[in-house]
Amino acid sequence: MKAGQTVRVKPASRLASEWNLRPDAEGTVLCQYRILSGCAGSVERIDVRFAENRTIWGAAAQEFLEVAETSGALAAH
């Protein structure tokens, strides 16, 4: 995931209930980074801002789904 990307919390994630987010709430990734945790490897983290003026700092990226980009443009006939 990268900054500016639109994401949604996975339905089964505990984050949705902890932050009282609607199931359809979409947020924007502010920042993506990795935390190195010794021999356990690294964990990808993201900071996400939601429209409800909520920001989730340092959440595991695996707790989110990428929202598909749609152009919304229709071909003229």
PDB file of N, CA and C in Angstrom:
ATOM      1  N   MET A   1       0.841  -1.170   0.000  1.00  0.00           N
ATOM      2  CA  MET A   1       0.000   0.000   0.000  1.00  0.00           C
ATOM      3  C   MET A   1       0.887   1.234   0.000  1.00  0.00           C
ATOM      4  N   LYS A   2       0.335   2.313  -0.528  1.00  0.00           N
ATOM      5  CA  LYS A   2       1.139   3.522  -0.641  1.00  0.00           C
ATOM      6  C   LYS A   2       0.321   4.745  -0.252  1.00  0.00           C
ATOM      7  N   ALA A   3       1.009   5.827   0.043  1.00  0.00           N
ATOM      8  CA  ALA A   3       0.351   7.077   0.426  1.00  0.00           C
ATOM      9  C   ALA A   3      -0.606   7.521  -0.666  1.00  0.00           C
ATOM     10  N   GLY A   4      -1.790   7.976  -0.245  1.00  0.00           N
ATOM     11  CA  GLY A   4      -2.801   8.442  -1.172  1.00  0.00           C
ATOM     12  C   GLY A   4      -3.780   7.376  -1.608  1.00  0.00           C
ATOM     13  N   GLN A   5      -3.471   6.129  -1.333  1.00  0.00           N
ATOM     14  CA  GLN A   5      -4.336   5.019  -1.736  1.00  0.00           C
ATOM     15  C   GLN A   5      -5.567   4.954  -0.829  1.00  0.00           C
ATOM     16  N   THR A   6      -6.695   4.533  -1.394  1.00  0.00           N
ATOM     17  CA  THR A   6      -7.922   4.377  -0.626  1.00  0.00           C
ATOM     18  C   THR A   6      -8.023   2.940  -0.135  1.00  0.00           C
ATOM     19  N   VAL A   7      -8.350   2.788   1.147  1.00  0.00           N
ATOM     20  CA  VAL A   7      -8.452   1.461   1.757  1.00  0.00           C
ATOM     21  C   VAL A   7      -9.716   1.373   2.603  1.00  0.00           C
ATOM     22  N   ARG A   8     -10.061   0.154   2.962  1.00  0.00           N
ATOM     23  CA  ARG A   8     -11.193  -0.136   3.835  1.00  0.00           C
ATOM     24  C   ARG A   8     -10.724  -1.197   4.840  1.00  0.00           C
ATOM     25  N   VAL A   9     -11.160  -1.101   6.079  1.00  0.00           N
ATOM     26  CA  VAL A   9     -10.795  -2.094   7.093  1.00  0.00           C
ATOM     27  C   VAL A   9     -11.463  -3.418   6.742  1.00  0.00           C
ATOM     28  N   LYS A  10     -10.734  -4.518   6.873  1.00  0.00           N
ATOM     29  CA  LYS A  10     -11.312  -5.836   6.615  1.00  0.00           C
ATOM     30  C   LYS A  10     -12.483  -6.067   7.574  1.00  0.00           C
ATOM     31  N   PRO A  11     -13.576  -6.664   7.097  1.00  0.00           N
ATOM     32  CA  PRO A  11     -14.754  -6.876   7.940  1.00  0.00           C
ATOM     33  C   PRO A  11     -14.456  -7.651   9.229  1.00  0.00           C
ATOM     34  N   ALA A  12     -13.552  -8.606   9.171  1.00  0.00           N
ATOM     35  CA  ALA A  12     -13.251  -9.428  10.348  1.00  0.00           C
ATOM     36  C   ALA A  12     -12.216  -8.789  11.275  1.00  0.00           C
ATOM     37  N   SER A  13     -11.697  -7.632  10.891  1.00  0.00           N
ATOM     38  CA  SER A  13     -10.661  -6.987  11.691  1.00  0.00           C
ATOM     39  C   SER A  13     -11.234  -6.406  12.979  1.00  0.00           C
ATOM     40  N   ARG A  14     -10.480  -6.489  14.049  1.00  0.00           N
ATOM     41  CA  ARG A  14     -10.888  -5.898  15.322  1.00  0.00           C
ATOM     42  C   ARG A  14     -10.844  -4.375  15.277  1.00  0.00           C
ATOM     43  N   LEU A  15     -10.100  -3.822  14.311  1.00  0.00           N
ATOM     44  CA  LEU A  15      -9.998  -2.369  14.193  1.00  0.00           C
ATOM     45  C   LEU A  15     -11.355  -1.717  13.939  1.00  0.00           C
ATOM     46  N   ALA A  16     -12.202  -2.367  13.147  1.00  0.00           N
ATOM     47  CA  ALA A  16     -13.516  -1.798  12.823  1.00  0.00           C
ATOM     48  C   ALA A  16     -14.335  -1.580  14.085  1.00  0.00           C
ATOM     49  N   SER A  17     -14.333  -2.551  14.985  1.00  0.00           N
ATOM     50  CA  SER A  17     -15.116  -2.408  16.214  1.00  0.00           C
ATOM     51  C   SER A  17     -14.411  -1.493  17.220  1.00  0.00           C
ATOM     52  N   GLU A  18     -13.092  -1.569  17.322  1.00  0.00           N
ATOM     53  CA  GLU A  18     -12.351  -0.722  18.256  1.00  0.00           C
ATOM     54  C   GLU A  18     -12.487   0.756  17.931  1.00  0.00           C
ATOM     55  N   TRP A  19     -12.531   1.085  16.652  1.00  0.00           N
ATOM     56  CA  TRP A  19     -12.605   2.480  16.223  1.00  0.00           C
ATOM     57  C   TRP A  19     -14.022   2.883  15.838  1.00  0.00           C
ATOM     58  N   ASN A  20     -14.977   1.961  16.008  1.00  0.00           N
ATOM     59  CA  ASN A  20     -16.381   2.228  15.708  1.00  0.00           C
ATOM     60  C   ASN A  20     -16.558   2.764  14.284  1.00  0.00           C
ATOM     61  N   LEU A  21     -15.951   2.043  13.329  1.00  0.00           N
ATOM     62  CA  LEU A  21     -16.027   2.435  11.928  1.00  0.00           C
ATOM     63  C   LEU A  21     -17.169   1.694  11.243  1.00  0.00           C
ATOM     64  N   ARG A  22     -17.865   2.399  10.356  1.00  0.00           N
ATOM     65  CA  ARG A  22     -18.899   1.762   9.549  1.00  0.00           C
ATOM     66  C   ARG A  22     -18.234   0.707   8.664  1.00  0.00           C
ATOM     67  N   PRO A  23     -18.948  -0.359   8.340  1.00  0.00           N
ATOM     68  CA  PRO A  23     -18.352  -1.401   7.478  1.00  0.00           C
ATOM     69  C   PRO A  23     -17.927  -0.880   6.104  1.00  0.00           C
ATOM     70  N   ASP A  24     -18.574   0.170   5.613  1.00  0.00           N
ATOM     71  CA  ASP A  24     -18.242   0.704   4.291  1.00  0.00           C
ATOM     72  C   ASP A  24     -17.308   1.918   4.351  1.00  0.00           C
ATOM     73  N   ALA A  25     -16.798   2.240   5.535  1.00  0.00           N
ATOM     74  CA  ALA A  25     -15.938   3.423   5.687  1.00  0.00           C
ATOM     75  C   ALA A  25     -14.641   3.233   4.904  1.00  0.00           C
ATOM     76  N   GLU A  26     -14.310   4.260   4.134  1.00  0.00           N
ATOM     77  CA  GLU A  26     -13.064   4.244   3.374  1.00  0.00           C
ATOM     78  C   GLU A  26     -12.126   5.308   3.924  1.00  0.00           C
ATOM     79  N   GLY A  27     -10.851   4.980   3.929  1.00  0.00           N
ATOM     80  CA  GLY A  27      -9.850   5.916   4.415  1.00  0.00           C
ATOM     81  C   GLY A  27      -8.741   6.090   3.404  1.00  0.00           C
ATOM     82  N   THR A  28      -7.907   7.083   3.643  1.00  0.00           N
ATOM     83  CA  THR A  28      -6.771   7.370   2.769  1.00  0.00           C
ATOM     84  C   THR A  28      -5.484   7.091   3.518  1.00  0.00           C
ATOM     85  N   VAL A  29      -4.600   6.348   2.884  1.00  0.00           N
ATOM     86  CA  VAL A  29      -3.301   6.040   3.483  1.00  0.00           C
ATOM     87  C   VAL A  29      -2.470   7.316   3.507  1.00  0.00           C
ATOM     88  N   LEU A  30      -2.026   7.700   4.698  1.00  0.00           N
ATOM     89  CA  LEU A  30      -1.171   8.878   4.860  1.00  0.00           C
ATOM     90  C   LEU A  30       0.293   8.518   4.687  1.00  0.00           C
ATOM     91  N   CYS A  31       0.659   7.335   5.209  1.00  0.00           N
ATOM     92  CA  CYS A  31       2.057   6.943   5.242  1.00  0.00           C
ATOM     93  C   CYS A  31       2.150   5.423   5.357  1.00  0.00           C
ATOM     94  N   GLN A  32       3.157   4.838   4.740  1.00  0.00           N
ATOM     95  CA  GLN A  32       3.412   3.402   4.838  1.00  0.00           C
ATOM     96  C   GLN A  32       4.859   3.231   5.262  1.00  0.00           C
ATOM     97  N   TYR A  33       5.101   2.322   6.196  1.00  0.00           N
ATOM     98  CA  TYR A  33       6.464   2.086   6.667  1.00  0.00           C
ATOM     99  C   TYR A  33       6.581   0.677   7.223  1.00  0.00           C
ATOM    100  N   ARG A  34       7.801   0.242   7.455  1.00  0.00           N
ATOM    101  CA  ARG A  34       8.074  -1.089   8.013  1.00  0.00           C
ATOM    102  C   ARG A  34       8.732  -0.945   9.375  1.00  0.00           C
ATOM    103  N   ILE A  35       8.329  -1.806  10.261  1.00  0.00           N
ATOM    104  CA  ILE A  35       8.963  -1.877  11.572  1.00  0.00           C
ATOM    105  C   ILE A  35       9.788  -3.148  11.588  1.00  0.00           C
ATOM    106  N   LEU A  36      11.077  -2.983  11.826  1.00  0.00           N
ATOM    107  CA  LEU A  36      11.964  -4.139  11.891  1.00  0.00           C
ATOM    108  C   LEU A  36      11.917  -4.693  13.299  1.00  0.00           C
ATOM    109  N   SER A  37      11.592  -5.961  13.389  1.00  0.00           N
ATOM    110  CA  SER A  37      11.431  -6.563  14.718  1.00  0.00           C
ATOM    111  C   SER A  37      12.380  -7.734  14.914  1.00  0.00           C
ATOM    112  N   GLY A  38      13.649  -7.481  14.704  1.00  0.00           N
ATOM    113  CA  GLY A  38      14.664  -8.500  14.946  1.00  0.00           C
ATOM    114  C   GLY A  38      14.503  -9.714  14.058  1.00  0.00           C
ATOM    115  N   CYS A  39      14.636 -10.884  14.622  1.00  0.00           N
ATOM    116  CA  CYS A  39      14.593 -12.115  13.850  1.00  0.00           C
ATOM    117  C   CYS A  39      13.182 -12.491  13.407  1.00  0.00           C
ATOM    118  N   ALA A  40      12.167 -11.813  13.923  1.00  0.00           N
ATOM    119  CA  ALA A  40      10.793 -12.115  13.515  1.00  0.00           C
ATOM    120  C   ALA A  40      10.467 -11.503  12.156  1.00  0.00           C
ATOM    121  N   GLY A  41      11.379 -10.727  11.589  1.00  0.00           N
ATOM    122  CA  GLY A  41      11.137 -10.098  10.295  1.00  0.00           C
ATOM    123  C   GLY A  41      10.593  -8.699  10.457  1.00  0.00           C
ATOM    124  N   SER A  42      10.020  -8.176   9.375  1.00  0.00           N
ATOM    125  CA  SER A  42       9.489  -6.818   9.427  1.00  0.00           C
ATOM    126  C   SER A  42       7.980  -6.849   9.266  1.00  0.00           C
ATOM    127  N   VAL A  43       7.338  -5.821   9.777  1.00  0.00           N
ATOM    128  CA  VAL A  43       5.888  -5.711   9.720  1.00  0.00           C
ATOM    129  C   VAL A  43       5.542  -4.412   9.013  1.00  0.00           C
ATOM    130  N   GLU A  44       4.716  -4.496   7.973  1.00  0.00           N
ATOM    131  CA  GLU A  44       4.304  -3.292   7.259  1.00  0.00           C
ATOM    132  C   GLU A  44       3.194  -2.611   8.039  1.00  0.00           C
ATOM    133  N   ARG A  45       3.362  -1.314   8.273  1.00  0.00           N
ATOM    134  CA  ARG A  45       2.387  -0.507   9.012  1.00  0.00           C
ATOM    135  C   ARG A  45       1.924   0.650   8.140  1.00  0.00           C
ATOM    136  N   ILE A  46       0.709   1.118   8.403  1.00  0.00           N
ATOM    137  CA  ILE A  46       0.203   2.282   7.691  1.00  0.00           C
ATOM    138  C   ILE A  46      -0.543   3.193   8.654  1.00  0.00           C
ATOM    139  N   ASP A  47      -0.566   4.472   8.315  1.00  0.00           N
ATOM    140  CA  ASP A  47      -1.376   5.466   9.015  1.00  0.00           C
ATOM    141  C   ASP A  47      -2.514   5.794   8.055  1.00  0.00           C
ATOM    142  N   VAL A  48      -3.760   5.753   8.546  1.00  0.00           N
ATOM    143  CA  VAL A  48      -4.924   5.940   7.681  1.00  0.00           C
ATOM    144  C   VAL A  48      -5.855   6.982   8.283  1.00  0.00           C
ATOM    145  N   ARG A  49      -6.288   7.930   7.446  1.00  0.00           N
ATOM    146  CA  ARG A  49      -7.254   8.951   7.878  1.00  0.00           C
ATOM    147  C   ARG A  49      -8.606   8.643   7.252  1.00  0.00           C
ATOM    148  N   PHE A  50      -9.647   8.628   8.105  1.00  0.00           N
ATOM    149  CA  PHE A  50     -11.016   8.400   7.669  1.00  0.00           C
ATOM    150  C   PHE A  50     -11.773   9.718   7.677  1.00  0.00           C
ATOM    151  N   ALA A  51     -12.855   9.778   6.924  1.00  0.00           N
ATOM    152  CA  ALA A  51     -13.647  11.008   6.782  1.00  0.00           C
ATOM    153  C   ALA A  51     -14.242  11.463   8.110  1.00  0.00           C
ATOM    154  N   GLU A  52     -14.444  10.572   9.023  1.00  0.00           N
ATOM    155  CA  GLU A  52     -15.036  10.918  10.322  1.00  0.00           C
ATOM    156  C   GLU A  52     -14.029  11.596  11.246  1.00  0.00           C
ATOM    157  N   ASN A  53     -12.974  12.172  10.675  1.00  0.00           N
ATOM    158  CA  ASN A  53     -11.894  12.808  11.441  1.00  0.00           C
ATOM    159  C   ASN A  53     -11.220  11.833  12.392  1.00  0.00           C
ATOM    160  N   ARG A  54     -11.132  10.604  11.968  1.00  0.00           N
ATOM    161  CA  ARG A  54     -10.415   9.577  12.735  1.00  0.00           C
ATOM    162  C   ARG A  54      -9.160   9.214  11.969  1.00  0.00           C
ATOM    163  N   THR A  55      -8.067   9.102  12.692  1.00  0.00           N
ATOM    164  CA  THR A  55      -6.827   8.645  12.094  1.00  0.00           C
ATOM    165  C   THR A  55      -6.334   7.454  12.888  1.00  0.00           C
ATOM    166  N   ILE A  56      -6.040   6.393  12.183  1.00  0.00           N
ATOM    167  CA  ILE A  56      -5.478   5.201  12.807  1.00  0.00           C
ATOM    168  C   ILE A  56      -3.985   5.222  12.518  1.00  0.00           C
ATOM    169  N   TRP A  57      -3.195   5.300  13.581  1.00  0.00           N
ATOM    170  CA  TRP A  57      -1.740   5.391  13.471  1.00  0.00           C
ATOM    171  C   TRP A  57      -1.107   4.026  13.673  1.00  0.00           C
ATOM    172  N   GLY A  58      -0.216   3.632  12.786  1.00  0.00           N
ATOM    173  CA  GLY A  58       0.584   2.426  12.958  1.00  0.00           C
ATOM    174  C   GLY A  58      -0.179   1.120  12.923  1.00  0.00           C
ATOM    175  N   ALA A  59      -1.235   1.047  12.153  1.00  0.00           N
ATOM    176  CA  ALA A  59      -2.007  -0.197  12.040  1.00  0.00           C
ATOM    177  C   ALA A  59      -1.308  -1.153  11.084  1.00  0.00           C
ATOM    178  N   ALA A  60      -1.465  -2.434  11.335  1.00  0.00           N
ATOM    179  CA  ALA A  60      -0.894  -3.436  10.438  1.00  0.00           C
ATOM    180  C   ALA A  60      -1.591  -3.347   9.085  1.00  0.00           C
ATOM    181  N   ALA A  61      -0.818  -3.247   8.022  1.00  0.00           N
ATOM    182  CA  ALA A  61      -1.369  -3.110   6.678  1.00  0.00           C
ATOM    183  C   ALA A  61      -2.264  -4.298   6.317  1.00  0.00           C
ATOM    184  N   GLN A  62      -1.990  -5.451   6.892  1.00  0.00           N
ATOM    185  CA  GLN A  62      -2.787  -6.648   6.586  1.00  0.00           C
ATOM    186  C   GLN A  62      -4.220  -6.556   7.111  1.00  0.00           C
ATOM    187  N   GLU A  63      -4.523  -5.567   7.922  1.00  0.00           N
ATOM    188  CA  GLU A  63      -5.881  -5.367   8.442  1.00  0.00           C
ATOM    189  C   GLU A  63      -6.778  -4.591   7.469  1.00  0.00           C
ATOM    190  N   PHE A  64      -6.224  -4.196   6.309  1.00  0.00           N
ATOM    191  CA  PHE A  64      -6.945  -3.367   5.355  1.00  0.00           C
ATOM    192  C   PHE A  64      -7.039  -4.017   3.992  1.00  0.00           C
ATOM    193  N   LEU A  65      -8.083  -3.638   3.262  1.00  0.00           N
ATOM    194  CA  LEU A  65      -8.271  -4.050   1.875  1.00  0.00           C
ATOM    195  C   LEU A  65      -8.101  -2.826   0.991  1.00  0.00           C
ATOM    196  N   GLU A  66      -7.444  -2.999  -0.141  1.00  0.00           N
ATOM    197  CA  GLU A  66      -7.313  -1.910  -1.097  1.00  0.00           C
ATOM    198  C   GLU A  66      -8.652  -1.726  -1.806  1.00  0.00           C
ATOM    199  N   VAL A  67      -9.076  -0.487  -1.979  1.00  0.00           N
ATOM    200  CA  VAL A  67     -10.296  -0.195  -2.717  1.00  0.00           C
ATOM    201  C   VAL A  67      -9.910   0.013  -4.165  1.00  0.00           C
ATOM    202  N   ALA A  68     -10.579  -0.713  -5.055  1.00  0.00           N
ATOM    203  CA  ALA A  68     -10.258  -0.636  -6.479  1.00  0.00           C
ATOM    204  C   ALA A  68     -10.520   0.760  -7.018  1.00  0.00           C
ATOM    205  N   GLU A  69      -9.614   1.229  -7.814  1.00  0.00           N
ATOM    206  CA  GLU A  69      -9.745   2.537  -8.451  1.00  0.00           C
ATOM    207  C   GLU A  69     -10.726   2.397  -9.615  1.00  0.00           C
ATOM    208  N   THR A  70     -11.641   3.322  -9.729  1.00  0.00           N
ATOM    209  CA  THR A  70     -12.555   3.351 -10.864  1.00  0.00           C
ATOM    210  C   THR A  70     -12.448   4.716 -11.518  1.00  0.00           C
ATOM    211  N   SER A  71     -12.386   4.724 -12.821  1.00  0.00           N
ATOM    212  CA  SER A  71     -12.215   5.993 -13.520  1.00  0.00           C
ATOM    213  C   SER A  71     -13.511   6.781 -13.588  1.00  0.00           C
ATOM    214  N   GLY A  72     -14.654   6.086 -13.628  1.00  0.00           N
ATOM    215  CA  GLY A  72     -15.927   6.764 -13.689  1.00  0.00           C
ATOM    216  C   GLY A  72     -16.200   7.386 -15.037  1.00  0.00           C
ATOM    217  N   ALA A  73     -15.268   7.270 -15.958  1.00  0.00           N
ATOM    218  CA  ALA A  73     -15.462   7.841 -17.284  1.00  0.00           C
ATOM    219  C   ALA A  73     -16.229   6.867 -18.169  1.00  0.00           C
ATOM    220  N   LEU A  74     -17.195   7.388 -18.891  1.00  0.00           N
ATOM    221  CA  LEU A  74     -17.971   6.579 -19.818  1.00  0.00           C
ATOM    222  C   LEU A  74     -17.556   6.909 -21.237  1.00  0.00           C
ATOM    223  N   ALA A  75     -17.518   5.888 -22.048  1.00  0.00           N
ATOM    224  CA  ALA A  75     -17.157   6.116 -23.450  1.00  0.00           C
ATOM    225  C   ALA A  75     -18.324   6.827 -24.150  1.00  0.00           C
ATOM    226  N   ALA A  76     -18.009   7.822 -24.922  1.00  0.00           N
ATOM    227  CA  ALA A  76     -19.042   8.562 -25.664  1.00  0.00           C
ATOM    228  C   ALA A  76     -19.408   7.793 -26.917  1.00  0.00           C
ATOM    229  N   HIS A  77     -20.696   7.657 -27.132  1.00  0.00           N
ATOM    230  CA  HIS A  77     -21.172   6.959 -28.340  1.00  0.00           C
ATOM    231  C   HIS A  77     -22.038   7.885 -29.114  1.00  0.00           C
TER     232      HIS A  77
END
